[in-house]
N, C-alpha and C. Protein backbone atom coordinates (compact mmCIF):
# COMPACT_ATOMS: atom_id res chain seq x y z
N THR A 1 11.00 -68.72 71.94
CA THR A 1 9.84 -69.70 72.46
C THR A 1 10.26 -70.99 71.31
N LYS A 2 10.00 -72.37 71.93
CA LYS A 2 10.11 -73.48 71.07
C LYS A 2 9.23 -73.41 69.85
N ILE A 3 8.16 -73.20 70.09
CA ILE A 3 7.20 -72.95 69.01
C ILE A 3 7.64 -71.85 67.97
N ARG A 4 7.99 -71.02 68.30
CA ARG A 4 8.36 -70.15 67.20
C ARG A 4 9.74 -70.96 66.31
N ALA A 5 10.82 -71.27 67.29
CA ALA A 5 11.71 -71.94 66.84
C ALA A 5 11.74 -73.03 65.73
N PHE A 6 10.45 -73.95 66.26
CA PHE A 6 10.00 -74.90 65.35
C PHE A 6 9.58 -74.44 64.08
N LEU A 7 8.64 -73.30 64.42
CA LEU A 7 8.09 -72.64 63.01
C LEU A 7 8.96 -72.33 62.06
N HIS A 8 10.17 -71.56 62.50
CA HIS A 8 10.79 -70.88 61.76
C HIS A 8 11.82 -71.97 61.19
N ALA A 9 12.20 -73.02 61.77
CA ALA A 9 13.12 -73.90 61.23
C ALA A 9 12.33 -74.65 60.00
N GLY A 10 11.04 -74.87 60.33
CA GLY A 10 9.89 -75.36 59.18
C GLY A 10 9.90 -74.54 58.07
N ASN A 11 10.12 -73.46 58.46
CA ASN A 11 9.94 -72.41 56.93
C ASN A 11 11.29 -72.20 56.33
N ASP A 12 12.34 -72.75 57.29
CA ASP A 12 13.66 -72.60 56.55
C ASP A 12 13.75 -73.91 55.45
N TRP A 13 13.32 -74.84 56.27
CA TRP A 13 13.54 -76.39 55.33
C TRP A 13 12.62 -76.21 54.26
N TYR A 14 11.48 -75.87 54.24
CA TYR A 14 10.47 -75.82 53.20
C TYR A 14 10.90 -75.51 51.95
N PRO A 15 11.16 -74.23 51.74
CA PRO A 15 11.76 -73.77 50.20
C PRO A 15 13.12 -74.34 49.91
N ARG A 16 13.59 -74.93 50.89
CA ARG A 16 15.08 -75.63 50.17
C ARG A 16 14.67 -77.24 49.82
N GLU A 17 13.24 -77.77 50.21
CA GLU A 17 12.54 -78.94 49.42
C GLU A 17 12.95 -80.04 50.35
N SER A 18 13.61 -79.74 51.55
CA SER A 18 13.86 -80.59 52.59
C SER A 18 12.56 -80.73 53.34
N TYR A 19 11.54 -81.62 52.66
CA TYR A 19 10.14 -81.58 53.21
C TYR A 19 10.03 -82.71 54.43
N GLY A 20 11.02 -83.52 54.56
CA GLY A 20 10.65 -84.08 55.77
C GLY A 20 11.08 -83.42 57.06
N SER A 21 12.15 -82.67 56.79
CA SER A 21 12.64 -81.55 57.72
C SER A 21 11.57 -80.60 58.04
N ALA A 22 10.94 -80.00 57.25
CA ALA A 22 9.98 -79.02 57.42
C ALA A 22 8.78 -79.68 58.25
N ILE A 23 8.30 -81.04 57.77
CA ILE A 23 7.40 -81.56 58.14
C ILE A 23 7.59 -81.75 59.97
N GLU A 24 8.35 -82.31 60.17
CA GLU A 24 8.94 -82.81 61.52
C GLU A 24 9.00 -81.51 62.53
N ASN A 25 9.49 -80.41 61.80
CA ASN A 25 9.67 -79.15 62.71
C ASN A 25 8.21 -78.46 62.77
N TYR A 26 7.06 -78.39 61.88
CA TYR A 26 5.93 -78.17 61.78
C TYR A 26 5.26 -79.25 62.67
N ASN A 27 5.46 -80.18 63.22
CA ASN A 27 4.82 -81.23 63.76
C ASN A 27 5.02 -81.14 65.11
N ASN A 28 6.45 -80.88 65.37
CA ASN A 28 6.93 -80.29 66.90
C ASN A 28 6.24 -79.22 67.11
N ALA A 29 5.91 -78.14 66.29
CA ALA A 29 5.27 -77.07 66.88
C ALA A 29 4.07 -76.97 67.16
N LEU A 30 3.23 -77.96 66.25
CA LEU A 30 1.99 -78.45 66.47
C LEU A 30 1.83 -79.11 67.92
N GLN A 31 2.42 -80.06 68.41
CA GLN A 31 2.14 -80.58 69.48
C GLN A 31 2.37 -79.74 70.44
N ILE A 32 3.31 -78.77 70.57
CA ILE A 32 3.45 -77.81 71.90
C ILE A 32 1.97 -77.05 71.90
N GLN A 33 1.83 -76.47 70.31
CA GLN A 33 0.56 -75.35 70.50
C GLN A 33 -0.50 -76.20 71.05
N ILE A 34 -0.88 -77.75 70.71
CA ILE A 34 -1.83 -78.17 71.26
C ILE A 34 -2.01 -78.46 72.70
N GLN A 35 -0.72 -78.80 73.28
CA GLN A 35 -0.67 -78.81 75.02
C GLN A 35 -0.96 -77.47 75.41
N ILE A 36 -0.78 -76.39 74.75
CA ILE A 36 -0.62 -75.16 75.48
C ILE A 36 -2.39 -74.26 75.09
N HIS A 37 -2.72 -74.65 73.79
CA HIS A 37 -3.84 -74.17 73.55
C HIS A 37 -5.27 -74.82 73.60
N GLY A 38 -4.94 -76.36 73.04
CA GLY A 38 -5.78 -77.12 72.70
C GLY A 38 -6.10 -77.21 71.07
N GLU A 39 -6.91 -78.16 70.63
CA GLU A 39 -7.03 -77.88 69.15
C GLU A 39 -7.81 -76.68 68.49
N GLU A 40 -8.93 -76.32 69.70
CA GLU A 40 -9.55 -75.03 68.72
C GLU A 40 -8.76 -73.79 68.98
N HIS A 41 -7.97 -73.32 68.72
CA HIS A 41 -7.09 -72.02 68.59
C HIS A 41 -6.94 -71.70 67.23
N ALA A 42 -6.53 -70.43 66.70
CA ALA A 42 -6.02 -70.09 65.66
C ALA A 42 -4.70 -70.57 64.91
N GLU A 43 -3.86 -70.34 66.08
CA GLU A 43 -2.33 -70.77 65.61
C GLU A 43 -2.24 -72.21 65.35
N VAL A 44 -3.12 -72.95 66.11
CA VAL A 44 -3.15 -74.50 65.66
C VAL A 44 -3.80 -74.77 64.18
N GLY A 45 -4.60 -73.89 64.10
CA GLY A 45 -5.23 -73.98 62.69
C GLY A 45 -4.14 -73.83 61.25
N THR A 46 -3.39 -72.47 61.90
CA THR A 46 -2.28 -72.14 60.90
C THR A 46 -1.18 -73.28 60.47
N THR A 47 -1.00 -73.94 61.94
CA THR A 47 0.12 -74.63 61.34
C THR A 47 -0.29 -76.18 60.96
N TYR A 48 -1.71 -76.27 60.98
CA TYR A 48 -1.86 -77.14 60.11
C TYR A 48 -2.18 -77.39 58.87
N ASN A 49 -2.28 -75.75 58.62
CA ASN A 49 -2.25 -75.23 57.26
C ASN A 49 -0.80 -75.34 56.42
N LEU A 50 0.21 -75.14 57.35
CA LEU A 50 1.70 -75.49 57.00
C LEU A 50 1.81 -76.80 56.62
N LEU A 51 1.55 -77.69 57.60
CA LEU A 51 1.64 -78.93 57.35
C LEU A 51 1.08 -79.45 56.08
N GLY A 52 -0.41 -79.08 55.99
CA GLY A 52 -0.97 -79.81 54.72
C GLY A 52 -0.33 -79.23 53.49
N THR A 53 0.19 -78.07 53.67
CA THR A 53 0.61 -77.51 52.10
C THR A 53 1.81 -78.51 51.79
N VAL A 54 2.93 -78.49 52.96
CA VAL A 54 3.94 -79.10 52.46
C VAL A 54 3.92 -80.33 52.34
N ILE A 55 3.04 -81.21 52.77
CA ILE A 55 2.42 -82.58 52.71
C ILE A 55 1.93 -82.97 51.21
N TRP A 56 0.96 -81.81 50.73
CA TRP A 56 0.43 -81.79 49.30
C TRP A 56 1.46 -81.83 48.67
N LEU A 57 2.38 -80.51 48.51
CA LEU A 57 3.57 -80.29 47.54
C LEU A 57 4.27 -81.25 47.57
N GLU A 58 4.63 -81.99 48.45
CA GLU A 58 5.76 -83.23 48.45
C GLU A 58 4.73 -84.38 47.74
N SER A 59 3.58 -84.68 48.01
CA SER A 59 3.15 -85.85 47.41
C SER A 59 2.67 -85.47 45.79
N ALA A 60 2.35 -84.36 45.51
CA ALA A 60 1.84 -83.90 44.44
C ALA A 60 2.96 -84.08 43.22
N LYS A 61 4.41 -83.68 43.72
CA LYS A 61 5.52 -83.80 42.80
C LYS A 61 5.76 -84.95 42.57
N GLN A 62 5.98 -85.96 43.68
CA GLN A 62 6.28 -87.34 43.31
C GLN A 62 5.40 -87.83 42.47
N TYR A 63 3.84 -87.88 42.65
CA TYR A 63 2.94 -88.24 41.58
C TYR A 63 3.31 -87.94 39.96
N PHE A 64 3.57 -86.58 39.90
CA PHE A 64 3.58 -85.89 38.79
C PHE A 64 4.97 -86.28 37.93
N MET A 65 5.62 -86.67 38.59
CA MET A 65 7.29 -87.08 38.49
C MET A 65 7.11 -88.45 37.92
N ARG A 66 6.37 -89.27 38.61
CA ARG A 66 6.21 -90.98 38.50
C ARG A 66 5.27 -90.73 37.16
N GLU A 67 4.22 -90.25 37.09
CA GLU A 67 3.10 -89.71 35.79
C GLU A 67 4.35 -89.60 34.50
N LEU A 68 5.22 -88.52 34.48
CA LEU A 68 5.78 -88.11 33.62
C LEU A 68 6.81 -89.28 33.19
N GLU A 69 7.51 -90.07 34.08
CA GLU A 69 8.16 -90.96 33.59
C GLU A 69 7.22 -91.93 32.60
N ILE A 70 6.23 -92.62 33.17
CA ILE A 70 5.35 -93.47 32.56
C ILE A 70 4.94 -92.95 31.14
N ARG A 71 4.49 -91.80 30.89
CA ARG A 71 4.05 -91.26 30.03
C ARG A 71 5.14 -91.32 28.87
N LYS A 72 6.11 -90.71 29.26
CA LYS A 72 7.22 -90.77 28.23
C LYS A 72 7.70 -91.92 27.73
N ARG A 73 7.48 -92.98 28.44
CA ARG A 73 8.12 -94.35 28.24
C ARG A 73 6.78 -94.83 27.09
N VAL A 74 5.52 -94.82 27.64
CA VAL A 74 4.43 -95.25 26.83
C VAL A 74 4.25 -94.35 25.39
N LEU A 75 4.34 -92.89 25.56
CA LEU A 75 3.75 -92.20 24.40
C LEU A 75 5.00 -91.57 23.82
N GLY A 76 6.26 -91.47 24.38
CA GLY A 76 7.25 -90.92 23.56
C GLY A 76 7.32 -89.20 24.05
N SER A 77 8.23 -88.50 23.89
CA SER A 77 8.38 -87.34 24.46
C SER A 77 7.25 -86.20 23.76
N ALA A 78 7.06 -86.36 22.40
CA ALA A 78 6.06 -85.61 21.52
C ALA A 78 4.80 -85.88 21.79
N HIS A 79 4.45 -85.71 23.03
CA HIS A 79 2.94 -85.72 22.92
C HIS A 79 2.41 -84.82 24.01
N LEU A 80 1.20 -84.39 23.82
CA LEU A 80 0.45 -83.43 24.74
C LEU A 80 0.26 -83.75 26.16
N ASP A 81 0.05 -84.96 26.47
CA ASP A 81 0.17 -85.79 27.80
C ASP A 81 1.11 -85.31 28.26
N VAL A 82 2.42 -85.63 27.81
CA VAL A 82 3.72 -85.56 28.44
C VAL A 82 3.86 -83.87 28.70
N ALA A 83 3.35 -83.13 27.71
CA ALA A 83 3.46 -81.60 27.79
C ALA A 83 2.64 -81.29 29.14
N ALA A 84 1.26 -81.89 29.23
CA ALA A 84 0.89 -81.44 30.74
C ALA A 84 1.40 -82.19 31.81
N CYS A 85 2.03 -83.06 31.83
CA CYS A 85 3.15 -83.36 32.91
C CYS A 85 3.91 -82.53 33.53
N TYR A 86 4.77 -81.95 32.40
CA TYR A 86 5.38 -80.82 32.77
C TYR A 86 5.05 -79.45 33.30
N ILE A 87 3.62 -79.27 32.66
CA ILE A 87 3.18 -78.19 33.16
C ILE A 87 2.43 -78.32 34.67
N ASN A 88 2.16 -79.44 34.85
CA ASN A 88 1.40 -79.66 36.42
C ASN A 88 2.76 -79.67 37.12
N LEU A 89 3.78 -80.23 36.97
CA LEU A 89 5.28 -80.23 37.83
C LEU A 89 5.30 -78.58 37.82
N ALA A 90 5.19 -77.93 37.03
CA ALA A 90 5.83 -76.29 36.77
C ALA A 90 4.87 -75.80 37.76
N LEU A 91 3.42 -76.05 37.80
CA LEU A 91 2.45 -75.62 38.75
C LEU A 91 2.76 -75.89 40.33
N VAL A 92 3.31 -76.77 40.52
CA VAL A 92 4.06 -77.18 41.90
C VAL A 92 4.80 -76.46 41.94
N TRP A 93 5.94 -76.20 41.29
CA TRP A 93 7.50 -75.38 41.62
C TRP A 93 6.66 -73.95 41.71
N HIS A 94 5.73 -73.55 40.78
CA HIS A 94 5.25 -72.35 41.06
C HIS A 94 4.90 -71.79 42.40
N LYS A 95 4.01 -72.72 42.67
CA LYS A 95 3.49 -72.53 44.28
C LYS A 95 4.40 -72.56 45.26
N GLU A 96 5.76 -73.45 45.20
CA GLU A 96 6.24 -73.32 45.92
C GLU A 96 7.23 -72.03 46.20
N GLY A 97 7.23 -71.49 45.06
CA GLY A 97 8.00 -70.07 44.96
C GLY A 97 9.27 -70.37 43.97
N LEU A 98 9.53 -71.44 43.69
CA LEU A 98 10.47 -71.83 43.08
C LEU A 98 10.38 -71.59 41.46
N TYR A 99 10.60 -70.25 40.91
CA TYR A 99 10.41 -69.90 40.03
C TYR A 99 11.17 -70.43 38.69
N ASP A 100 12.20 -70.26 39.19
CA ASP A 100 13.33 -70.91 37.99
C ASP A 100 13.00 -72.16 37.87
N LYS A 101 12.70 -73.15 38.55
CA LYS A 101 12.11 -74.40 37.94
C LYS A 101 10.99 -74.54 37.41
N ALA A 102 10.02 -73.62 37.84
CA ALA A 102 8.43 -73.61 37.35
C ALA A 102 8.85 -73.38 35.91
N LEU A 103 9.48 -72.32 35.57
CA LEU A 103 9.90 -71.97 33.96
C LEU A 103 10.45 -72.93 32.95
N GLU A 104 11.45 -73.73 33.67
CA GLU A 104 12.16 -74.81 32.93
C GLU A 104 11.01 -75.83 32.68
N ASN A 105 10.22 -76.15 33.75
CA ASN A 105 9.14 -77.30 33.01
C ASN A 105 7.90 -76.69 32.45
N PHE A 106 7.81 -74.99 32.47
CA PHE A 106 6.38 -74.67 31.51
C PHE A 106 7.21 -74.81 30.36
N ASN A 107 8.65 -74.33 30.08
CA ASN A 107 9.25 -74.07 28.86
C ASN A 107 9.10 -75.62 28.06
N ARG A 108 9.33 -76.50 28.73
CA ARG A 108 9.59 -77.89 28.21
C ARG A 108 8.13 -78.29 27.72
N GLY A 109 6.78 -78.08 28.66
CA GLY A 109 5.61 -78.24 28.09
C GLY A 109 5.36 -77.27 26.85
N LEU A 110 5.91 -76.20 26.78
CA LEU A 110 5.27 -75.29 25.91
C LEU A 110 6.13 -75.66 24.52
N GLU A 111 7.41 -76.29 24.52
CA GLU A 111 8.14 -76.83 23.38
C GLU A 111 7.13 -77.77 22.71
N ILE A 112 6.82 -78.85 23.52
CA ILE A 112 5.84 -80.00 22.99
C ILE A 112 4.66 -79.35 22.40
N GLN A 113 3.86 -78.32 22.87
CA GLN A 113 2.74 -77.84 22.45
C GLN A 113 2.94 -77.07 21.16
N ILE A 114 4.18 -76.43 20.95
CA ILE A 114 4.27 -75.63 19.91
C ILE A 114 4.36 -76.59 18.67
N LYS A 115 5.31 -77.80 18.98
CA LYS A 115 5.36 -78.68 17.93
C LYS A 115 4.14 -79.41 17.55
N LEU A 116 2.97 -79.42 18.45
CA LEU A 116 1.65 -80.10 18.21
C LEU A 116 0.54 -78.98 18.25
N SER A 117 1.00 -77.79 17.74
CA SER A 117 0.02 -76.64 17.79
C SER A 117 -1.13 -76.91 16.88
N GLU A 118 -1.02 -77.71 15.66
CA GLU A 118 -2.06 -77.69 14.90
C GLU A 118 -3.21 -78.70 15.63
N LEU A 119 -2.92 -79.42 16.55
CA LEU A 119 -3.92 -79.75 17.20
C LEU A 119 -4.78 -79.04 18.15
N PRO A 120 -6.25 -78.92 17.88
CA PRO A 120 -7.21 -78.37 18.30
C PRO A 120 -7.30 -78.08 20.21
N GLU A 121 -6.90 -79.24 20.67
CA GLU A 121 -6.97 -79.22 22.03
C GLU A 121 -5.44 -78.65 22.91
N THR A 122 -4.63 -78.23 21.80
CA THR A 122 -3.29 -77.55 22.35
C THR A 122 -3.80 -76.48 23.08
N ARG A 123 -3.35 -76.07 24.14
CA ARG A 123 -3.81 -74.86 25.14
C ARG A 123 -2.37 -73.94 25.25
N ILE A 124 -1.70 -73.55 24.15
CA ILE A 124 -0.47 -72.52 24.43
C ILE A 124 -0.85 -71.36 24.91
N GLU A 125 -2.29 -71.02 24.94
CA GLU A 125 -2.49 -69.53 25.38
C GLU A 125 -2.45 -69.87 26.88
N LEU A 126 -2.80 -70.76 27.53
CA LEU A 126 -2.85 -70.94 29.06
C LEU A 126 -1.56 -70.99 29.53
N THR A 127 -0.75 -71.80 28.68
CA THR A 127 0.76 -71.77 29.23
C THR A 127 1.71 -70.59 29.12
N PHE A 128 1.39 -69.65 28.33
CA PHE A 128 1.71 -68.48 28.10
C PHE A 128 1.42 -67.75 29.25
N ASN A 129 0.20 -67.79 29.71
CA ASN A 129 -0.65 -67.07 30.65
C ASN A 129 0.65 -67.77 32.03
N TYR A 130 0.53 -68.86 32.46
CA TYR A 130 1.43 -69.54 33.59
C TYR A 130 2.65 -68.86 33.58
N ILE A 131 3.60 -68.78 32.29
CA ILE A 131 4.92 -68.50 32.09
C ILE A 131 4.88 -66.92 32.55
N GLY A 132 4.01 -66.08 32.07
CA GLY A 132 3.56 -64.58 32.40
C GLY A 132 3.81 -64.71 34.18
N ASP A 133 3.01 -65.41 34.51
CA ASP A 133 2.80 -65.39 36.24
C ASP A 133 3.90 -65.69 36.58
N SER A 134 5.03 -66.76 36.20
CA SER A 134 6.15 -67.06 37.12
C SER A 134 7.13 -65.73 36.60
N TYR A 135 7.28 -65.12 35.76
CA TYR A 135 7.86 -63.77 35.53
C TYR A 135 7.52 -62.54 36.55
N ARG A 136 6.22 -62.78 36.35
CA ARG A 136 5.61 -61.67 37.27
C ARG A 136 6.26 -61.74 38.47
N MET A 137 6.30 -63.01 39.17
CA MET A 137 6.42 -63.14 40.49
C MET A 137 8.15 -63.02 40.90
N ARG A 138 8.75 -63.16 39.69
CA ARG A 138 9.90 -62.87 39.65
C ARG A 138 10.15 -61.28 39.41
N ARG A 139 9.48 -60.74 39.13
CA ARG A 139 9.61 -59.13 39.26
C ARG A 139 9.91 -58.70 37.79
N GLN A 140 10.30 -59.88 36.76
CA GLN A 140 10.58 -59.73 35.46
C GLN A 140 9.16 -58.90 34.62
N TYR A 141 8.93 -57.68 34.92
CA TYR A 141 7.74 -57.14 34.25
C TYR A 141 7.79 -57.31 32.98
N ASP A 142 8.82 -57.23 32.02
CA ASP A 142 8.71 -57.10 30.71
C ASP A 142 8.35 -58.36 30.00
N SER A 143 8.86 -59.33 30.65
CA SER A 143 8.86 -60.91 30.08
C SER A 143 7.41 -61.17 30.55
N ALA A 144 6.82 -60.85 31.69
CA ALA A 144 5.40 -61.02 32.18
C ALA A 144 4.77 -60.59 30.89
N ILE A 145 4.78 -59.27 30.68
CA ILE A 145 3.78 -58.52 29.57
C ILE A 145 4.00 -59.12 28.30
N GLU A 146 5.12 -59.73 28.01
CA GLU A 146 5.59 -60.30 26.57
C GLU A 146 4.51 -61.46 26.73
N PHE A 147 4.43 -62.44 27.70
CA PHE A 147 3.81 -63.83 27.72
C PHE A 147 2.35 -63.62 27.57
N TYR A 148 1.70 -62.57 28.73
CA TYR A 148 0.68 -62.38 28.79
C TYR A 148 -0.01 -61.99 27.32
N THR A 149 0.92 -61.46 26.61
CA THR A 149 0.48 -60.41 25.30
C THR A 149 0.32 -61.78 24.56
N LYS A 150 0.99 -62.52 24.22
CA LYS A 150 1.09 -63.71 23.49
C LYS A 150 -0.25 -64.42 23.55
N SER A 151 -0.18 -64.77 25.13
CA SER A 151 -1.48 -65.46 25.22
C SER A 151 -3.02 -64.96 24.78
N LEU A 152 -2.93 -63.34 25.04
CA LEU A 152 -4.13 -62.53 24.40
C LEU A 152 -4.31 -62.86 22.83
N GLU A 153 -3.16 -62.63 22.32
CA GLU A 153 -3.13 -62.57 20.45
C GLU A 153 -3.58 -64.17 20.25
N ILE A 154 -3.41 -64.87 21.08
CA ILE A 154 -4.13 -66.28 20.51
C ILE A 154 -5.62 -66.32 20.99
N GLN A 155 -5.62 -65.78 22.03
CA GLN A 155 -7.20 -65.88 22.52
C GLN A 155 -8.09 -65.14 21.52
N LEU A 156 -7.55 -64.00 20.96
CA LEU A 156 -8.50 -62.94 20.14
C LEU A 156 -8.55 -63.43 18.78
N LYS A 157 -8.02 -64.49 18.42
CA LYS A 157 -8.12 -64.92 17.12
C LYS A 157 -9.19 -65.93 17.23
N LYS A 158 -9.71 -66.52 18.45
CA LYS A 158 -10.50 -67.55 18.45
C LYS A 158 -11.98 -66.80 18.59
N PRO A 159 -13.04 -67.98 18.12
CA PRO A 159 -14.28 -67.34 18.57
C PRO A 159 -14.73 -67.02 19.74
N LEU A 160 -15.67 -66.11 19.87
CA LEU A 160 -15.84 -65.87 21.10
C LEU A 160 -16.64 -66.43 22.26
N ASP A 161 -16.99 -67.60 21.87
CA ASP A 161 -17.34 -68.87 22.89
C ASP A 161 -16.32 -69.74 23.47
N GLU A 162 -15.11 -69.39 22.66
CA GLU A 162 -13.61 -70.05 23.32
C GLU A 162 -13.24 -69.21 24.24
N HIS A 163 -13.79 -67.99 24.49
CA HIS A 163 -12.73 -66.87 25.21
C HIS A 163 -13.00 -67.28 26.73
N ASN A 164 -12.32 -68.20 27.27
CA ASN A 164 -12.87 -68.71 28.50
C ASN A 164 -12.50 -68.21 29.75
N PHE A 165 -10.89 -67.61 29.39
CA PHE A 165 -10.12 -66.85 30.56
C PHE A 165 -9.70 -65.83 29.97
N ILE A 166 -10.20 -65.07 28.73
CA ILE A 166 -9.58 -64.06 28.52
C ILE A 166 -9.69 -62.86 28.97
N TYR A 167 -10.65 -62.66 30.17
CA TYR A 167 -10.76 -61.87 31.04
C TYR A 167 -9.74 -61.82 31.87
N LEU A 168 -9.29 -63.05 32.31
CA LEU A 168 -8.36 -63.08 33.17
C LEU A 168 -6.80 -62.61 32.75
N THR A 169 -6.60 -62.96 31.62
CA THR A 169 -5.42 -62.41 30.81
C THR A 169 -5.15 -60.88 30.98
N TYR A 170 -6.58 -60.07 30.56
CA TYR A 170 -6.36 -58.65 30.76
C TYR A 170 -6.27 -58.26 32.24
N HIS A 171 -6.84 -58.85 33.08
CA HIS A 171 -6.69 -58.71 34.27
C HIS A 171 -5.18 -58.56 35.01
N TYR A 172 -4.56 -59.95 34.53
CA TYR A 172 -3.12 -60.18 34.71
C TYR A 172 -2.16 -58.96 34.16
N LEU A 173 -2.64 -58.54 32.85
CA LEU A 173 -1.68 -57.51 32.26
C LEU A 173 -2.08 -56.15 33.16
N GLY A 174 -3.15 -55.79 33.47
CA GLY A 174 -3.58 -54.64 34.02
C GLY A 174 -2.63 -54.65 35.69
N ASP A 175 -2.69 -56.00 35.99
CA ASP A 175 -1.99 -56.22 37.41
C ASP A 175 -0.53 -55.80 37.25
N VAL A 176 0.46 -56.36 36.10
CA VAL A 176 1.41 -56.49 35.86
C VAL A 176 2.15 -55.07 35.69
N TYR A 177 1.38 -54.25 34.71
CA TYR A 177 1.42 -52.74 34.39
C TYR A 177 1.35 -52.32 35.84
N TYR A 178 0.73 -52.41 36.62
CA TYR A 178 0.81 -51.78 38.01
C TYR A 178 1.87 -51.64 38.71
N ASP A 179 2.51 -53.20 38.77
CA ASP A 179 3.60 -53.82 39.54
C ASP A 179 4.71 -52.70 39.12
N LYS A 180 4.62 -52.96 38.00
CA LYS A 180 5.65 -52.45 37.16
C LYS A 180 5.88 -50.78 37.04
N ASP A 181 4.68 -50.08 36.63
CA ASP A 181 4.68 -48.67 36.66
C ASP A 181 3.83 -47.86 37.87
N GLY A 182 3.48 -48.68 38.69
CA GLY A 182 2.37 -48.19 39.64
C GLY A 182 0.93 -47.47 38.87
N ILE A 183 0.77 -47.85 37.86
CA ILE A 183 -0.29 -47.03 36.98
C ILE A 183 -1.27 -48.38 36.79
N TRP A 184 -2.47 -48.08 37.29
CA TRP A 184 -3.79 -49.51 37.32
C TRP A 184 -4.39 -49.11 35.97
N LEU A 185 -4.08 -50.25 35.01
CA LEU A 185 -4.53 -50.10 33.64
C LEU A 185 -5.53 -51.47 33.35
N GLY A 186 -6.01 -51.79 34.69
CA GLY A 186 -7.10 -53.10 34.73
C GLY A 186 -8.53 -52.50 34.13
N ASN A 187 -9.06 -51.41 34.47
CA ASN A 187 -10.13 -51.07 33.92
C ASN A 187 -10.18 -50.96 32.36
N ARG A 188 -8.73 -50.08 32.13
CA ARG A 188 -8.83 -49.89 30.78
C ARG A 188 -8.56 -50.95 29.73
N LEU A 189 -7.92 -51.97 30.17
CA LEU A 189 -7.60 -53.19 29.70
C LEU A 189 -8.83 -53.78 29.36
N LEU A 190 -9.73 -54.07 30.46
CA LEU A 190 -10.65 -54.91 30.49
C LEU A 190 -11.84 -54.37 29.65
N LEU A 191 -11.78 -53.01 29.33
CA LEU A 191 -12.81 -52.42 28.26
C LEU A 191 -12.65 -52.95 26.91
N LYS A 192 -11.57 -53.36 26.86
CA LYS A 192 -10.98 -53.93 25.48
C LYS A 192 -11.87 -55.45 25.22
N ILE A 193 -12.33 -56.29 26.35
CA ILE A 193 -13.04 -57.07 26.22
C ILE A 193 -14.61 -56.63 25.42
N THR A 194 -14.95 -55.75 25.64
CA THR A 194 -16.05 -55.22 25.01
C THR A 194 -15.98 -55.05 23.69
N GLY A 195 -14.91 -54.29 23.25
CA GLY A 195 -14.80 -54.18 21.88
C GLY A 195 -14.06 -55.22 21.26
N ALA A 196 -13.59 -56.16 21.87
CA ALA A 196 -13.15 -57.53 21.09
C ALA A 196 -14.62 -58.30 20.78
N SER A 197 -15.48 -58.24 21.64
CA SER A 197 -16.71 -58.87 21.52
C SER A 197 -17.77 -58.14 20.57
N LYS A 198 -17.31 -57.45 20.11
CA LYS A 198 -18.15 -56.79 18.93
C LYS A 198 -18.08 -57.34 17.44
């Protein structure tokens, strides 16, 4: 059908970052769906979701890139706010499924954070988690484990009241071991939180 053809075309353009073409095709599908089903239909809702996601990603990337340009010009390259810009861009790439670009930007942010690691507001452990996520999605499980473990090591050195997301890191490690070996270690890893809190 025409609807399916437009949706497939949108799905084809979207990962190639041809957002204008993706939006055009999703809109064409949406107009036909509304003519056939009216606004109150599940398929119409799904297409609105596709449109919203593409428009959000396109806009988010443009704004983050502009922010990065301004912050580098005003603050210089070695500043935590510049690192945050790279990490925000990486999160958008990750959401799009473009994990190579995500890792490239996470690592740029990480390089700055490492140089400024003596600052208390540096959140290297969070960036390690993000990098682990991208490696996991690429099925590079050993690399994912390496970065989740790096995150965990930093968190375990901090006071308990600063363990804001340590349970998530244990959970991610459990998930990635399951993905890698088919062995569910989530509960066993989560038990370590109790041990670490004593």
